[in-house]
Amino acid sequence: MTIVIEVIAGIAVAVVLTGVALRIRKLRRDSFREVSRSTDRRLMAPPPSPYATSKGFRLLDESGAPLVRPEPARPRLEPDREYVFSDSQMTPLEDVAGLSVRKNETWALSRSAHRPKVHVTTMRVVVAIVVVIVLLAVGGYLLKSSAGTSGSTTSTSSTTTPRTSTTWPKRFIAQSTGSQSATYDVPATTYRVSVSGALGATWARFVMGANSTLEWQGTVKLGSSESLDMTGKSSITLGSPKNATVTVGGSAVILPSPLPATLTLNFVVAPG
């Protein structure tokens, strides 16, 4: 927005400066014409002839009588010399220079006597184009500002879906226990179960879903672990639970006590 305002201001300043320059130029041209018009060419007398006696002073002799000044001899053609007058005769360089100077002076006077119509017309067209650009810029700015104002007054409604944050427990404690089973609530639909042979080898069986689909079964050796991503309800059966440690999502699962020979851990998704 600031750039648009600066551009408009620059164009306006350029238009004003152009108008002032044209006005000053016109005033100077008009003053020159007034001076040239005030001079009456009829009052201008040709310069005196160099062969005529000047009327500004008189020559007197010793007695005070007027002394007649002898008229200087006019240059005449020598009768014993042949002269050829022809239009094709080469003009001396001095005469050529004089002719060019007189031609330039005549051209300058003719240019000053007539207004340069092409130049003035071009300047008028340029000024008109600049004015149109300024008007279009101002109109676009006003339309944009009015559209922004109307858009800002329109009320919009949006529905925000509430998000629930799941707090993952540091350890899992059985919600219910049986003689050979324990049930745990998991606060997520998908979770990772790991069985490690911490104190010795143990046998493990992973099943998942309502149909108890077998995912993996086998022996977990001492120092090794087996991990699977489970979804929904799942069960882990341990052959030697005393040798195993179980984690869900990195949190320890507390096994019931006393431990039976075979233990089944049931994981269900907590409601809510």
C-alpha atoms as a PDB file:
ATOM      1  CA  MET A   1       0.000   0.000   0.000  1.00  0.00           C
ATOM      2  CA  THR A   2       2.837   2.406   0.830  1.00  0.00           C
ATOM      3  CA  ILE A   3       4.477   1.730  -2.546  1.00  0.00           C
ATOM      4  CA  VAL A   4       1.257   2.667  -4.391  1.00  0.00           C
ATOM      5  CA  ILE A   5       1.019   5.943  -2.483  1.00  0.00           C
ATOM      6  CA  GLU A   6       4.675   6.753  -3.220  1.00  0.00           C
ATOM      7  CA  VAL A   7       4.190   6.045  -6.938  1.00  0.00           C
ATOM      8  CA  ILE A   8       1.111   8.275  -7.080  1.00  0.00           C
ATOM      9  CA  ALA A   9       2.943  11.067  -5.248  1.00  0.00           C
ATOM     10  CA  GLY A  10       5.924  10.804  -7.625  1.00  0.00           C
ATOM     11  CA  ILE A  11       3.676  10.985 -10.693  1.00  0.00           C
ATOM     12  CA  ALA A  12       1.862  14.012  -9.252  1.00  0.00           C
ATOM     13  CA  VAL A  13       5.164  15.806  -8.583  1.00  0.00           C
ATOM     14  CA  ALA A  14       6.351  15.043 -12.124  1.00  0.00           C
ATOM     15  CA  VAL A  15       3.121  16.451 -13.583  1.00  0.00           C
ATOM     16  CA  VAL A  16       3.428  19.637 -11.504  1.00  0.00           C
ATOM     17  CA  LEU A  17       7.084  20.172 -12.482  1.00  0.00           C
ATOM     18  CA  THR A  18       6.280  19.608 -16.159  1.00  0.00           C
ATOM     19  CA  GLY A  19       3.450  22.144 -16.009  1.00  0.00           C
ATOM     20  CA  VAL A  20       5.667  24.736 -14.315  1.00  0.00           C
ATOM     21  CA  ALA A  21       8.427  24.244 -16.909  1.00  0.00           C
ATOM     22  CA  LEU A  22       5.974  24.626 -19.792  1.00  0.00           C
ATOM     23  CA  ARG A  23       4.487  27.742 -18.221  1.00  0.00           C
ATOM     24  CA  ILE A  24       7.899  29.398 -17.750  1.00  0.00           C
ATOM     25  CA  ARG A  25       8.833  28.544 -21.335  1.00  0.00           C
ATOM     26  CA  LYS A  26       5.626  30.108 -22.628  1.00  0.00           C
ATOM     27  CA  LEU A  27       6.155  33.282 -20.585  1.00  0.00           C
ATOM     28  CA  ARG A  28       9.693  33.703 -21.928  1.00  0.00           C
ATOM     29  CA  ARG A  29       8.522  33.203 -25.502  1.00  0.00           C
ATOM     30  CA  ASP A  30       5.714  35.729 -25.040  1.00  0.00           C
ATOM     31  CA  SER A  31       8.088  38.325 -23.563  1.00  0.00           C
ATOM     32  CA  PHE A  32      10.446  37.885 -26.511  1.00  0.00           C
ATOM     33  CA  ARG A  33       7.555  38.442 -28.905  1.00  0.00           C
ATOM     34  CA  GLU A  34       6.461  41.587 -27.078  1.00  0.00           C
ATOM     35  CA  VAL A  35       9.964  43.039 -27.363  1.00  0.00           C
ATOM     36  CA  SER A  36      10.142  42.221 -31.069  1.00  0.00           C
ATOM     37  CA  ARG A  37       6.684  43.726 -31.701  1.00  0.00           C
ATOM     38  CA  SER A  38       7.499  47.002 -29.896  1.00  0.00           C
ATOM     39  CA  THR A  39      10.317  47.731 -32.353  1.00  0.00           C
ATOM     40  CA  ASP A  40       9.053  49.672 -35.380  1.00  0.00           C
ATOM     41  CA  ARG A  41      11.102  48.717 -38.393  1.00  0.00           C
ATOM     42  CA  ARG A  42      10.152  51.947 -40.144  1.00  0.00           C
ATOM     43  CA  LEU A  43      12.196  53.905 -37.605  1.00  0.00           C
ATOM     44  CA  MET A  44      15.289  51.902 -38.346  1.00  0.00           C
ATOM     45  CA  ALA A  45      17.559  53.756 -40.803  1.00  0.00           C
ATOM     46  CA  PRO A  46      20.274  52.071 -42.822  1.00  0.00           C
ATOM     47  CA  PRO A  47      23.856  52.804 -41.827  1.00  0.00           C
ATOM     48  CA  PRO A  48      25.557  55.772 -43.544  1.00  0.00           C
ATOM     49  CA  SER A  49      27.616  55.154 -46.641  1.00  0.00           C
ATOM     50  CA  PRO A  50      31.362  55.111 -46.061  1.00  0.00           C
ATOM     51  CA  TYR A  51      31.748  57.299 -49.129  1.00  0.00           C
ATOM     52  CA  ALA A  52      29.433  60.078 -47.957  1.00  0.00           C
ATOM     53  CA  THR A  53      30.572  62.964 -45.776  1.00  0.00           C
ATOM     54  CA  SER A  54      29.390  62.681 -42.189  1.00  0.00           C
ATOM     55  CA  LYS A  55      26.982  65.391 -41.007  1.00  0.00           C
ATOM     56  CA  GLY A  56      28.104  65.187 -37.445  1.00  0.00           C
ATOM     57  CA  PHE A  57      31.063  67.564 -37.767  1.00  0.00           C
ATOM     58  CA  ARG A  58      32.647  70.103 -40.175  1.00  0.00           C
ATOM     59  CA  LEU A  59      36.218  70.597 -41.292  1.00  0.00           C
ATOM     60  CA  LEU A  60      37.591  74.169 -41.035  1.00  0.00           C
ATOM     61  CA  ASP A  61      40.833  75.601 -42.291  1.00  0.00           C
ATOM     62  CA  GLU A  62      43.146  77.978 -40.411  1.00  0.00           C
ATOM     63  CA  SER A  63      40.976  80.988 -41.208  1.00  0.00           C
ATOM     64  CA  GLY A  64      37.817  79.304 -40.052  1.00  0.00           C
ATOM     65  CA  ALA A  65      36.368  78.825 -43.476  1.00  0.00           C
ATOM     66  CA  PRO A  66      34.742  75.504 -44.223  1.00  0.00           C
ATOM     67  CA  LEU A  67      37.102  73.052 -45.785  1.00  0.00           C
ATOM     68  CA  VAL A  68      35.667  70.927 -48.508  1.00  0.00           C
ATOM     69  CA  ARG A  69      36.601  67.340 -47.878  1.00  0.00           C
ATOM     70  CA  PRO A  70      37.547  65.522 -51.011  1.00  0.00           C
ATOM     71  CA  GLU A  71      35.269  62.590 -51.723  1.00  0.00           C
ATOM     72  CA  PRO A  72      37.156  59.289 -51.565  1.00  0.00           C
ATOM     73  CA  ALA A  73      37.571  57.549 -54.824  1.00  0.00           C
ATOM     74  CA  ARG A  74      35.219  54.711 -55.400  1.00  0.00           C
ATOM     75  CA  PRO A  75      36.726  51.422 -56.472  1.00  0.00           C
ATOM     76  CA  ARG A  76      36.433  50.918 -60.179  1.00  0.00           C
ATOM     77  CA  LEU A  77      37.208  48.106 -62.511  1.00  0.00           C
ATOM     78  CA  GLU A  78      40.500  48.252 -64.312  1.00  0.00           C
ATOM     79  CA  PRO A  79      39.902  48.692 -68.025  1.00  0.00           C
ATOM     80  CA  ASP A  80      42.956  46.682 -68.989  1.00  0.00           C
ATOM     81  CA  ARG A  81      41.879  43.583 -67.058  1.00  0.00           C
ATOM     82  CA  GLU A  82      39.379  40.958 -68.163  1.00  0.00           C
ATOM     83  CA  TYR A  83      36.600  39.993 -65.744  1.00  0.00           C
ATOM     84  CA  VAL A  84      34.325  36.964 -66.066  1.00  0.00           C
ATOM     85  CA  PHE A  85      30.968  36.963 -64.292  1.00  0.00           C
ATOM     86  CA  SER A  86      29.364  33.496 -64.003  1.00  0.00           C
ATOM     87  CA  ASP A  87      26.892  31.798 -61.625  1.00  0.00           C
ATOM     88  CA  SER A  88      29.064  28.710 -61.620  1.00  0.00           C
ATOM     89  CA  GLN A  89      32.024  30.631 -60.291  1.00  0.00           C
ATOM     90  CA  MET A  90      33.209  29.328 -56.929  1.00  0.00           C
ATOM     91  CA  THR A  91      32.265  31.514 -54.003  1.00  0.00           C
ATOM     92  CA  PRO A  92      35.078  32.416 -51.605  1.00  0.00           C
ATOM     93  CA  LEU A  93      35.076  30.698 -48.217  1.00  0.00           C
ATOM     94  CA  GLU A  94      34.329  33.974 -46.440  1.00  0.00           C
ATOM     95  CA  ASP A  95      31.175  34.473 -48.501  1.00  0.00           C
ATOM     96  CA  VAL A  96      30.090  30.863 -47.833  1.00  0.00           C
ATOM     97  CA  ALA A  97      30.515  31.366 -44.098  1.00  0.00           C
ATOM     98  CA  GLY A  98      28.533  34.590 -44.275  1.00  0.00           C
ATOM     99  CA  LEU A  99      25.736  32.924 -46.196  1.00  0.00           C
ATOM    100  CA  SER A 100      25.553  30.064 -43.664  1.00  0.00           C
ATOM    101  CA  VAL A 101      25.417  32.530 -40.779  1.00  0.00           C
ATOM    102  CA  ARG A 102      22.623  34.504 -42.434  1.00  0.00           C
ATOM    103  CA  LYS A 103      20.767  31.275 -43.173  1.00  0.00           C
ATOM    104  CA  ASN A 104      21.041  30.166 -39.526  1.00  0.00           C
ATOM    105  CA  GLU A 105      19.806  33.549 -38.317  1.00  0.00           C
ATOM    106  CA  THR A 106      16.857  33.414 -40.711  1.00  0.00           C
ATOM    107  CA  TRP A 107      15.986  29.892 -39.573  1.00  0.00           C
ATOM    108  CA  ALA A 108      16.185  30.919 -35.893  1.00  0.00           C
ATOM    109  CA  LEU A 109      13.906  33.913 -36.482  1.00  0.00           C
ATOM    110  CA  SER A 110      11.384  31.779 -38.334  1.00  0.00           C
ATOM    111  CA  ARG A 111      11.413  29.181 -35.544  1.00  0.00           C
ATOM    112  CA  SER A 112      10.893  31.831 -32.881  1.00  0.00           C
ATOM    113  CA  ALA A 113       8.046  33.388 -34.842  1.00  0.00           C
ATOM    114  CA  HIS A 114       6.093  30.113 -35.049  1.00  0.00           C
ATOM    115  CA  ARG A 115       5.061  27.956 -32.132  1.00  0.00           C
ATOM    116  CA  PRO A 116       6.358  24.357 -32.188  1.00  0.00           C
ATOM    117  CA  LYS A 117       2.996  22.641 -32.604  1.00  0.00           C
ATOM    118  CA  VAL A 118       4.403  19.120 -32.612  1.00  0.00           C
ATOM    119  CA  HIS A 119       6.335  19.591 -29.366  1.00  0.00           C
ATOM    120  CA  VAL A 120       3.405  21.158 -27.518  1.00  0.00           C
ATOM    121  CA  THR A 121       1.030  18.471 -28.783  1.00  0.00           C
ATOM    122  CA  THR A 122       3.381  15.733 -27.623  1.00  0.00           C
ATOM    123  CA  MET A 123       3.668  17.268 -24.183  1.00  0.00           C
ATOM    124  CA  ARG A 124      -0.103  17.546 -23.925  1.00  0.00           C
ATOM    125  CA  VAL A 125      -0.507  13.879 -24.837  1.00  0.00           C
ATOM    126  CA  VAL A 126       2.087  12.877 -22.227  1.00  0.00           C
ATOM    127  CA  VAL A 127       0.380  14.958 -19.551  1.00  0.00           C
ATOM    128  CA  ALA A 128      -3.000  13.450 -20.449  1.00  0.00           C
ATOM    129  CA  ILE A 129      -1.590   9.914 -20.199  1.00  0.00           C
ATOM    130  CA  VAL A 130      -0.051  10.660 -16.804  1.00  0.00           C
ATOM    131  CA  VAL A 131      -3.340  12.097 -15.538  1.00  0.00           C
ATOM    132  CA  VAL A 132      -5.220   8.987 -16.716  1.00  0.00           C
ATOM    133  CA  ILE A 133      -2.697   6.727 -14.960  1.00  0.00           C
ATOM    134  CA  VAL A 134      -3.078   8.695 -11.732  1.00  0.00           C
ATOM    135  CA  LEU A 135      -6.873   8.488 -11.920  1.00  0.00           C
ATOM    136  CA  LEU A 136      -6.776   4.740 -12.561  1.00  0.00           C
ATOM    137  CA  ALA A 137      -4.377   4.181  -9.663  1.00  0.00           C
ATOM    138  CA  VAL A 138      -6.531   6.215  -7.279  1.00  0.00           C
ATOM    139  CA  GLY A 139      -9.684   4.432  -8.459  1.00  0.00           C
ATOM    140  CA  GLY A 140      -8.109   0.996  -8.019  1.00  0.00           C
ATOM    141  CA  TYR A 141      -6.890   1.915  -4.554  1.00  0.00           C
ATOM    142  CA  LEU A 142     -10.360   3.125  -3.524  1.00  0.00           C
ATOM    143  CA  LEU A 143     -12.028  -0.002  -4.915  1.00  0.00           C
ATOM    144  CA  LYS A 144      -9.542  -2.246  -3.135  1.00  0.00           C
ATOM    145  CA  SER A 145      -9.991  -0.445   0.167  1.00  0.00           C
ATOM    146  CA  SER A 146     -13.794  -0.578  -0.123  1.00  0.00           C
ATOM    147  CA  ALA A 147     -13.680  -4.298  -0.961  1.00  0.00           C
ATOM    148  CA  GLY A 148     -11.430  -4.932   2.028  1.00  0.00           C
ATOM    149  CA  THR A 149     -13.806  -3.040   4.309  1.00  0.00           C
ATOM    150  CA  SER A 150     -16.861  -4.943   3.094  1.00  0.00           C
ATOM    151  CA  GLY A 151     -15.018  -8.239   3.394  1.00  0.00           C
ATOM    152  CA  SER A 152     -13.946  -7.498   6.931  1.00  0.00           C
ATOM    153  CA  THR A 153     -17.529  -6.760   8.042  1.00  0.00           C
ATOM    154  CA  THR A 154     -18.794 -10.152   6.829  1.00  0.00           C
ATOM    155  CA  SER A 155     -19.304 -12.515   9.734  1.00  0.00           C
ATOM    156  CA  THR A 156     -17.935 -16.021   9.349  1.00  0.00           C
ATOM    157  CA  SER A 157     -18.658 -19.027  11.501  1.00  0.00           C
ATOM    158  CA  SER A 158     -16.293 -21.924  11.934  1.00  0.00           C
ATOM    159  CA  THR A 159     -16.613 -25.148  13.836  1.00  0.00           C
ATOM    160  CA  THR A 160     -13.618 -26.195  15.863  1.00  0.00           C
ATOM    161  CA  THR A 161     -13.255 -29.878  16.535  1.00  0.00           C
ATOM    162  CA  PRO A 162     -12.138 -30.411  20.109  1.00  0.00           C
ATOM    163  CA  ARG A 163      -8.919 -32.351  20.482  1.00  0.00           C
ATOM    164  CA  THR A 164      -8.340 -34.703  23.344  1.00  0.00           C
ATOM    165  CA  SER A 165      -4.838 -35.163  24.615  1.00  0.00           C
ATOM    166  CA  THR A 166      -3.862 -38.664  25.720  1.00  0.00           C
ATOM    167  CA  THR A 167      -1.869 -38.943  28.923  1.00  0.00           C
ATOM    168  CA  TRP A 168       0.388 -41.963  28.644  1.00  0.00           C
ATOM    169  CA  PRO A 169       0.952 -43.632  32.010  1.00  0.00           C
ATOM    170  CA  LYS A 170       4.450 -44.253  33.311  1.00  0.00           C
ATOM    171  CA  ARG A 171       3.472 -47.828  34.192  1.00  0.00           C
ATOM    172  CA  PHE A 172       0.509 -50.112  33.622  1.00  0.00           C
ATOM    173  CA  ILE A 173      -1.283 -51.757  36.583  1.00  0.00           C
ATOM    174  CA  ALA A 174      -3.772 -54.565  36.040  1.00  0.00           C
ATOM    175  CA  GLN A 175      -7.420 -53.518  36.260  1.00  0.00           C
ATOM    176  CA  SER A 176      -8.491 -57.091  36.923  1.00  0.00           C
ATOM    177  CA  THR A 177      -6.683 -60.375  37.505  1.00  0.00           C
ATOM    178  CA  GLY A 178      -7.474 -64.048  37.286  1.00  0.00           C
ATOM    179  CA  SER A 179      -5.655 -67.242  38.178  1.00  0.00           C
ATOM    180  CA  GLN A 180      -3.643 -67.147  34.938  1.00  0.00           C
ATOM    181  CA  SER A 181      -4.547 -63.779  33.381  1.00  0.00           C
ATOM    182  CA  ALA A 182      -4.444 -60.003  33.919  1.00  0.00           C
ATOM    183  CA  THR A 183      -6.286 -57.243  32.059  1.00  0.00           C
ATOM    184  CA  TYR A 184      -4.862 -53.755  31.375  1.00  0.00           C
ATOM    185  CA  ASP A 185      -6.427 -50.589  29.918  1.00  0.00           C
ATOM    186  CA  VAL A 186      -4.445 -48.873  27.112  1.00  0.00           C
ATOM    187  CA  PRO A 187      -5.230 -45.174  26.341  1.00  0.00           C
ATOM    188  CA  ALA A 188      -4.659 -45.582  22.587  1.00  0.00           C
ATOM    189  CA  THR A 189      -6.022 -47.594  19.704  1.00  0.00           C
ATOM    190  CA  THR A 190      -2.576 -48.499  18.365  1.00  0.00           C
ATOM    191  CA  TYR A 191       0.293 -49.269  20.708  1.00  0.00           C
ATOM    192  CA  ARG A 192       3.597 -51.145  20.727  1.00  0.00           C
ATOM    193  CA  VAL A 193       4.118 -54.204  22.980  1.00  0.00           C
ATOM    194  CA  SER A 194       7.622 -55.475  23.766  1.00  0.00           C
ATOM    195  CA  VAL A 195       8.593 -58.717  25.547  1.00  0.00           C
ATOM    196  CA  SER A 196      12.197 -59.059  26.770  1.00  0.00           C
ATOM    197  CA  GLY A 197      14.070 -62.020  28.228  1.00  0.00           C
ATOM    198  CA  ALA A 198      15.479 -60.086  31.176  1.00  0.00           C
ATOM    199  CA  LEU A 199      16.227 -63.018  33.545  1.00  0.00           C
ATOM    200  CA  GLY A 200      16.209 -65.875  31.054  1.00  0.00           C
ATOM    201  CA  ALA A 201      14.528 -67.278  28.013  1.00  0.00           C
ATOM    202  CA  THR A 202      10.745 -67.129  27.811  1.00  0.00           C
ATOM    203  CA  TRP A 203       8.136 -68.347  25.410  1.00  0.00           C
ATOM    204  CA  ALA A 204       5.670 -65.708  24.023  1.00  0.00           C
ATOM    205  CA  ARG A 205       2.579 -65.708  21.851  1.00  0.00           C
ATOM    206  CA  PHE A 206       1.031 -62.505  20.342  1.00  0.00           C
ATOM    207  CA  VAL A 207      -2.626 -62.526  19.249  1.00  0.00           C
ATOM    208  CA  MET A 208      -4.796 -59.554  18.223  1.00  0.00           C
ATOM    209  CA  GLY A 209      -8.415 -58.729  17.426  1.00  0.00           C
ATOM    210  CA  ALA A 210     -11.770 -60.186  18.323  1.00  0.00           C
ATOM    211  CA  ASN A 211     -10.896 -63.451  16.545  1.00  0.00           C
ATOM    212  CA  SER A 212      -7.542 -63.741  18.361  1.00  0.00           C
ATOM    213  CA  THR A 213      -5.488 -63.699  15.179  1.00  0.00           C
ATOM    214  CA  LEU A 214      -1.980 -65.021  15.745  1.00  0.00           C
ATOM    215  CA  GLU A 215       0.643 -62.362  15.060  1.00  0.00           C
ATOM    216  CA  TRP A 216       3.775 -64.025  16.363  1.00  0.00           C
ATOM    217  CA  GLN A 217       4.887 -66.828  18.674  1.00  0.00           C
ATOM    218  CA  GLY A 218       8.264 -68.199  19.651  1.00  0.00           C
ATOM    219  CA  THR A 219      11.048 -68.121  22.216  1.00  0.00           C
ATOM    220  CA  VAL A 220      12.565 -64.862  23.380  1.00  0.00           C
ATOM    221  CA  LYS A 221      16.149 -65.543  24.392  1.00  0.00           C
ATOM    222  CA  LEU A 222      18.003 -64.062  27.323  1.00  0.00           C
ATOM    223  CA  GLY A 223      18.953 -60.435  26.612  1.00  0.00           C
ATOM    224  CA  SER A 224      16.805 -60.200  23.481  1.00  0.00           C
ATOM    225  CA  SER A 225      13.317 -58.784  22.924  1.00  0.00           C
ATOM    226  CA  GLU A 226      10.366 -59.069  20.556  1.00  0.00           C
ATOM    227  CA  SER A 227       8.173 -56.043  19.721  1.00  0.00           C
ATOM    228  CA  LEU A 228       4.953 -55.766  17.710  1.00  0.00           C
ATOM    229  CA  ASP A 229       2.510 -52.931  16.960  1.00  0.00           C
ATOM    230  CA  MET A 230      -0.949 -53.967  18.145  1.00  0.00           C
ATOM    231  CA  THR A 231      -4.327 -52.414  17.318  1.00  0.00           C
ATOM    232  CA  GLY A 232      -7.415 -52.677  19.486  1.00  0.00           C
ATOM    233  CA  LYS A 233      -7.769 -55.678  21.764  1.00  0.00           C
ATOM    234  CA  SER A 234      -4.721 -57.973  22.052  1.00  0.00           C
ATOM    235  CA  SER A 235      -3.329 -60.739  24.253  1.00  0.00           C
ATOM    236  CA  ILE A 236       0.229 -61.752  25.115  1.00  0.00           C
ATOM    237  CA  THR A 237       0.814 -65.234  26.568  1.00  0.00           C
ATOM    238  CA  LEU A 238       4.072 -65.816  28.463  1.00  0.00           C
ATOM    239  CA  GLY A 239       5.448 -69.347  29.063  1.00  0.00           C
ATOM    240  CA  SER A 240       7.902 -68.280  31.800  1.00  0.00           C
ATOM    241  CA  PRO A 241       6.601 -64.910  33.092  1.00  0.00           C
ATOM    242  CA  LYS A 242       9.207 -64.804  35.893  1.00  0.00           C
ATOM    243  CA  ASN A 243      11.975 -64.422  33.270  1.00  0.00           C
ATOM    244  CA  ALA A 244      10.169 -61.770  31.194  1.00  0.00           C
ATOM    245  CA  THR A 245       9.587 -58.041  31.341  1.00  0.00           C
ATOM    246  CA  VAL A 246       6.785 -56.458  29.306  1.00  0.00           C
ATOM    247  CA  THR A 247       6.419 -52.836  28.181  1.00  0.00           C
ATOM    248  CA  VAL A 248       3.632 -51.028  26.331  1.00  0.00           C
ATOM    249  CA  GLY A 249       4.671 -47.864  24.518  1.00  0.00           C
ATOM    250  CA  GLY A 250       7.868 -47.777  26.570  1.00  0.00           C
ATOM    251  CA  SER A 251       6.051 -47.960  29.932  1.00  0.00           C
ATOM    252  CA  ALA A 252       6.526 -50.998  32.185  1.00  0.00           C
ATOM    253  CA  VAL A 253       3.699 -53.462  32.707  1.00  0.00           C
ATOM    254  CA  ILE A 254       3.365 -54.551  36.375  1.00  0.00           C
ATOM    255  CA  LEU A 255       2.784 -58.318  36.410  1.00  0.00           C
ATOM    256  CA  PRO A 256       0.452 -59.784  39.067  1.00  0.00           C
ATOM    257  CA  SER A 257       1.833 -61.674  42.027  1.00  0.00           C
ATOM    258  CA  PRO A 258       2.222 -64.558  42.564  1.00  0.00           C
ATOM    259  CA  LEU A 259       3.122 -65.459  38.995  1.00  0.00           C
ATOM    260  CA  PRO A 260       1.635 -68.619  37.532  1.00  0.00           C
ATOM    261  CA  ALA A 261       3.564 -70.918  35.215  1.00  0.00           C
ATOM    262  CA  THR A 262       1.720 -69.491  32.222  1.00  0.00           C
ATOM    263  CA  LEU A 263       0.358 -65.927  32.206  1.00  0.00           C
ATOM    264  CA  THR A 264      -1.898 -64.218  29.643  1.00  0.00           C
ATOM    265  CA  LEU A 265      -1.874 -60.412  29.491  1.00  0.00           C
ATOM    266  CA  ASN A 266      -5.019 -58.909  27.956  1.00  0.00           C
ATOM    267  CA  PHE A 267      -4.827 -55.314  26.625  1.00  0.00           C
ATOM    268  CA  VAL A 268      -8.051 -53.440  25.880  1.00  0.00           C
ATOM    269  CA  VAL A 269      -8.558 -49.865  24.669  1.00  0.00           C
ATOM    270  CA  ALA A 270      -9.738 -47.652  27.518  1.00  0.00           C
ATOM    271  CA  PRO A 271     -13.152 -46.016  26.880  1.00  0.00           C
ATOM    272  CA  GLY A 272     -13.176 -42.287  26.062  1.00  0.00           C
END
